[in-house]
Amino acid sequence: MKLLFALLLCFLLLTSIFMEPALAAPRFCESKCRARCAKAKVKARCAKYCNICCAKCKCVPSGTYGNKHQCPCYKKMKNSKGKPKCP
């Protein structure tokens, strides 16, 4: 019985660790990324990458372009080609 309880506790702890980024983003990131991508030519792609960056960094720079100094993590993220990942 104690073993079952210990396994259940470990499972809950691990799932909460891995689910945090997915749960941190929804409302905050959606509204911030909608504003950030308002003038983007390809809004869907902009929103996708903005939400990925927001979930990881928990911040989005203000405005539709630039201002990345407001969110250093957002500024540092690069794609596989070494170019900025976050819009």
N, C-alpha and C. Protein backbone atom coordinates (compact mmCIF):
# COMPACT_ATOMS: atom_id res chain seq x y z
N MET A 1 0.82 -1.19 0.00
CA MET A 1 0.00 0.00 0.00
C MET A 1 0.87 1.26 0.00
N LYS A 2 1.93 1.24 0.81
CA LYS A 2 2.83 2.39 0.86
C LYS A 2 3.54 2.57 -0.47
N LEU A 3 3.89 1.46 -1.11
CA LEU A 3 4.56 1.51 -2.40
C LEU A 3 3.64 2.13 -3.45
N LEU A 4 2.39 1.73 -3.45
CA LEU A 4 1.41 2.29 -4.38
C LEU A 4 1.24 3.79 -4.17
N PHE A 5 1.17 4.20 -2.92
CA PHE A 5 1.04 5.62 -2.59
C PHE A 5 2.28 6.39 -3.05
N ALA A 6 3.45 5.82 -2.84
CA ALA A 6 4.70 6.47 -3.24
C ALA A 6 4.77 6.61 -4.77
N LEU A 7 4.37 5.58 -5.49
CA LEU A 7 4.36 5.63 -6.96
C LEU A 7 3.36 6.67 -7.47
N LEU A 8 2.21 6.73 -6.86
CA LEU A 8 1.20 7.71 -7.25
C LEU A 8 1.71 9.13 -7.00
N LEU A 9 2.35 9.34 -5.87
CA LEU A 9 2.91 10.65 -5.54
C LEU A 9 3.99 11.04 -6.54
N CYS A 10 4.87 10.12 -6.90
CA CYS A 10 5.92 10.38 -7.90
C CYS A 10 5.31 10.71 -9.26
N PHE A 11 4.27 9.96 -9.64
CA PHE A 11 3.60 10.21 -10.91
C PHE A 11 3.01 11.61 -10.95
N LEU A 12 2.32 12.00 -9.89
CA LEU A 12 1.72 13.33 -9.85
C LEU A 12 2.78 14.43 -9.87
N LEU A 13 3.87 14.21 -9.19
CA LEU A 13 4.95 15.19 -9.19
C LEU A 13 5.55 15.34 -10.58
N LEU A 14 5.83 14.24 -11.25
CA LEU A 14 6.42 14.29 -12.59
C LEU A 14 5.47 14.90 -13.61
N THR A 15 4.19 14.56 -13.54
CA THR A 15 3.25 15.14 -14.50
C THR A 15 3.10 16.64 -14.29
N SER A 16 3.15 17.09 -13.04
CA SER A 16 3.03 18.53 -12.80
C SER A 16 4.25 19.28 -13.33
N ILE A 17 5.42 18.67 -13.27
CA ILE A 17 6.63 19.29 -13.79
C ILE A 17 6.55 19.44 -15.31
N PHE A 18 6.10 18.38 -15.99
CA PHE A 18 6.06 18.41 -17.45
C PHE A 18 4.87 19.19 -18.00
N MET A 19 3.82 19.33 -17.23
CA MET A 19 2.63 20.04 -17.70
C MET A 19 2.71 21.54 -17.44
N GLU A 20 3.63 21.99 -16.61
CA GLU A 20 3.71 23.42 -16.26
C GLU A 20 3.80 24.32 -17.48
N PRO A 21 4.71 24.08 -18.45
CA PRO A 21 4.78 24.99 -19.60
C PRO A 21 3.47 25.04 -20.39
N ALA A 22 2.79 23.92 -20.51
CA ALA A 22 1.55 23.90 -21.27
C ALA A 22 0.44 24.66 -20.54
N LEU A 23 0.46 24.61 -19.22
CA LEU A 23 -0.58 25.27 -18.45
C LEU A 23 -0.28 26.74 -18.17
N ALA A 24 0.96 27.13 -18.27
CA ALA A 24 1.34 28.50 -17.95
C ALA A 24 0.91 29.48 -19.03
N ALA A 25 0.78 29.03 -20.24
CA ALA A 25 0.61 29.90 -21.38
C ALA A 25 -0.79 30.42 -21.68
N PRO A 26 -1.84 29.65 -21.62
CA PRO A 26 -3.07 29.96 -22.34
C PRO A 26 -3.53 31.41 -22.40
N ARG A 27 -4.05 31.95 -21.35
CA ARG A 27 -4.66 33.28 -21.45
C ARG A 27 -3.62 34.39 -21.58
N PHE A 28 -2.60 34.36 -20.76
CA PHE A 28 -1.58 35.41 -20.80
C PHE A 28 -0.92 35.43 -22.17
N CYS A 29 -0.45 34.28 -22.63
CA CYS A 29 0.28 34.23 -23.89
C CYS A 29 -0.61 34.52 -25.09
N GLU A 30 -1.82 34.01 -25.07
CA GLU A 30 -2.71 34.25 -26.21
C GLU A 30 -2.95 35.73 -26.44
N SER A 31 -3.24 36.45 -25.38
CA SER A 31 -3.54 37.88 -25.55
C SER A 31 -2.28 38.67 -25.91
N LYS A 32 -1.16 38.35 -25.27
CA LYS A 32 0.09 39.05 -25.57
C LYS A 32 0.55 38.75 -27.00
N CYS A 33 0.43 37.50 -27.42
CA CYS A 33 0.87 37.13 -28.77
C CYS A 33 -0.07 37.68 -29.84
N ARG A 34 -1.34 37.79 -29.52
CA ARG A 34 -2.28 38.38 -30.47
C ARG A 34 -1.87 39.83 -30.75
N ALA A 35 -1.51 40.54 -29.69
CA ALA A 35 -1.06 41.93 -29.86
C ALA A 35 0.29 41.98 -30.58
N ARG A 36 1.19 41.08 -30.22
CA ARG A 36 2.53 41.07 -30.82
C ARG A 36 2.45 40.78 -32.32
N CYS A 37 1.56 39.91 -32.72
CA CYS A 37 1.47 39.48 -34.12
C CYS A 37 0.40 40.23 -34.93
N ALA A 38 -0.12 41.30 -34.40
CA ALA A 38 -1.22 42.03 -35.05
C ALA A 38 -0.85 42.50 -36.45
N LYS A 39 0.39 42.89 -36.69
CA LYS A 39 0.79 43.41 -38.00
C LYS A 39 1.59 42.41 -38.83
N ALA A 40 1.67 41.16 -38.37
CA ALA A 40 2.45 40.15 -39.10
C ALA A 40 1.74 39.77 -40.39
N LYS A 41 2.52 39.48 -41.42
CA LYS A 41 1.94 39.05 -42.70
C LYS A 41 1.36 37.64 -42.57
N VAL A 42 2.08 36.77 -41.85
CA VAL A 42 1.62 35.40 -41.65
C VAL A 42 1.28 35.25 -40.16
N LYS A 43 0.07 35.62 -39.81
CA LYS A 43 -0.34 35.68 -38.41
C LYS A 43 -0.30 34.32 -37.72
N ALA A 44 -0.69 33.27 -38.40
CA ALA A 44 -0.72 31.94 -37.78
C ALA A 44 0.68 31.49 -37.37
N ARG A 45 1.66 31.69 -38.25
CA ARG A 45 3.04 31.29 -37.93
C ARG A 45 3.59 32.16 -36.81
N CYS A 46 3.32 33.44 -36.86
CA CYS A 46 3.78 34.36 -35.82
C CYS A 46 3.20 33.94 -34.47
N ALA A 47 1.91 33.67 -34.43
CA ALA A 47 1.25 33.28 -33.18
C ALA A 47 1.80 31.96 -32.66
N LYS A 48 2.06 31.02 -33.55
CA LYS A 48 2.60 29.71 -33.14
C LYS A 48 3.93 29.88 -32.41
N TYR A 49 4.86 30.58 -33.03
CA TYR A 49 6.18 30.74 -32.43
C TYR A 49 6.15 31.68 -31.23
N CYS A 50 5.31 32.67 -31.26
CA CYS A 50 5.18 33.56 -30.12
C CYS A 50 4.68 32.79 -28.91
N ASN A 51 3.69 31.93 -29.09
CA ASN A 51 3.16 31.15 -27.98
C ASN A 51 4.18 30.15 -27.45
N ILE A 52 4.99 29.56 -28.33
CA ILE A 52 6.05 28.66 -27.89
C ILE A 52 7.04 29.42 -27.02
N CYS A 53 7.46 30.58 -27.49
CA CYS A 53 8.43 31.40 -26.76
C CYS A 53 7.84 31.90 -25.44
N CYS A 54 6.60 32.32 -25.46
CA CYS A 54 5.94 32.83 -24.27
C CYS A 54 5.81 31.74 -23.21
N ALA A 55 5.46 30.54 -23.63
CA ALA A 55 5.31 29.44 -22.68
C ALA A 55 6.64 29.13 -22.00
N LYS A 56 7.73 29.23 -22.74
CA LYS A 56 9.04 28.94 -22.16
C LYS A 56 9.56 30.12 -21.34
N CYS A 57 9.42 31.32 -21.85
CA CYS A 57 10.00 32.50 -21.20
C CYS A 57 9.06 33.19 -20.22
N LYS A 58 7.76 32.92 -20.35
CA LYS A 58 6.74 33.55 -19.53
C LYS A 58 6.71 35.07 -19.65
N CYS A 59 7.07 35.56 -20.84
CA CYS A 59 6.96 36.98 -21.13
C CYS A 59 6.95 37.18 -22.65
N VAL A 60 6.41 38.32 -23.08
CA VAL A 60 6.38 38.70 -24.48
C VAL A 60 6.69 40.20 -24.53
N PRO A 61 7.64 40.61 -25.37
CA PRO A 61 7.95 42.04 -25.46
C PRO A 61 6.73 42.85 -25.93
N SER A 62 6.65 44.08 -25.51
CA SER A 62 5.53 44.93 -25.92
C SER A 62 5.70 45.36 -27.37
N GLY A 63 4.60 45.77 -27.97
CA GLY A 63 4.64 46.25 -29.35
C GLY A 63 4.60 45.11 -30.36
N THR A 64 4.61 45.49 -31.62
CA THR A 64 4.52 44.48 -32.69
C THR A 64 5.88 44.12 -33.26
N TYR A 65 6.92 44.86 -32.88
CA TYR A 65 8.26 44.58 -33.40
C TYR A 65 9.29 45.15 -32.43
N GLY A 66 10.43 44.49 -32.32
CA GLY A 66 11.51 44.99 -31.47
C GLY A 66 11.20 44.84 -29.99
N ASN A 67 11.80 45.67 -29.18
CA ASN A 67 11.64 45.68 -27.73
C ASN A 67 12.03 44.37 -27.06
N LYS A 68 12.84 43.55 -27.71
CA LYS A 68 13.21 42.25 -27.15
C LYS A 68 14.08 42.38 -25.90
N HIS A 69 14.62 43.56 -25.66
CA HIS A 69 15.39 43.77 -24.43
C HIS A 69 14.51 43.63 -23.19
N GLN A 70 13.20 43.72 -23.35
CA GLN A 70 12.27 43.58 -22.23
C GLN A 70 12.14 42.14 -21.76
N CYS A 71 12.55 41.21 -22.60
CA CYS A 71 12.41 39.78 -22.30
C CYS A 71 13.66 39.05 -22.80
N PRO A 72 14.74 39.02 -22.01
CA PRO A 72 16.01 38.45 -22.46
C PRO A 72 15.90 37.00 -22.96
N CYS A 73 15.10 36.19 -22.31
CA CYS A 73 14.94 34.79 -22.73
C CYS A 73 14.36 34.74 -24.14
N TYR A 74 13.40 35.57 -24.40
CA TYR A 74 12.73 35.66 -25.70
C TYR A 74 13.74 36.04 -26.78
N LYS A 75 14.63 36.95 -26.41
CA LYS A 75 15.65 37.44 -27.35
C LYS A 75 16.69 36.37 -27.66
N LYS A 76 17.03 35.53 -26.68
CA LYS A 76 18.10 34.53 -26.83
C LYS A 76 17.68 33.29 -27.60
N MET A 77 16.40 33.01 -27.71
CA MET A 77 15.95 31.78 -28.38
C MET A 77 16.25 31.86 -29.88
N LYS A 78 16.89 30.81 -30.40
CA LYS A 78 17.25 30.74 -31.82
C LYS A 78 16.68 29.47 -32.44
N ASN A 79 16.46 29.51 -33.76
CA ASN A 79 16.02 28.31 -34.45
C ASN A 79 17.24 27.48 -34.85
N SER A 80 17.03 26.40 -35.57
CA SER A 80 18.13 25.52 -35.94
C SER A 80 19.14 26.18 -36.88
N LYS A 81 18.74 27.26 -37.52
CA LYS A 81 19.64 27.97 -38.44
C LYS A 81 20.36 29.13 -37.75
N GLY A 82 20.13 29.29 -36.44
CA GLY A 82 20.78 30.35 -35.69
C GLY A 82 20.11 31.71 -35.78
N LYS A 83 18.94 31.74 -36.36
CA LYS A 83 18.20 33.00 -36.47
C LYS A 83 17.17 33.08 -35.32
N PRO A 84 16.70 34.29 -35.02
CA PRO A 84 15.73 34.42 -33.92
C PRO A 84 14.49 33.56 -34.13
N LYS A 85 14.11 32.83 -33.09
CA LYS A 85 12.94 31.96 -33.16
C LYS A 85 11.67 32.74 -32.86
N CYS A 86 11.78 33.70 -31.97
CA CYS A 86 10.61 34.42 -31.48
C CYS A 86 10.34 35.69 -32.27
N PRO A 87 9.09 35.90 -32.66
CA PRO A 87 8.75 37.10 -33.44
C PRO A 87 8.78 38.38 -32.62
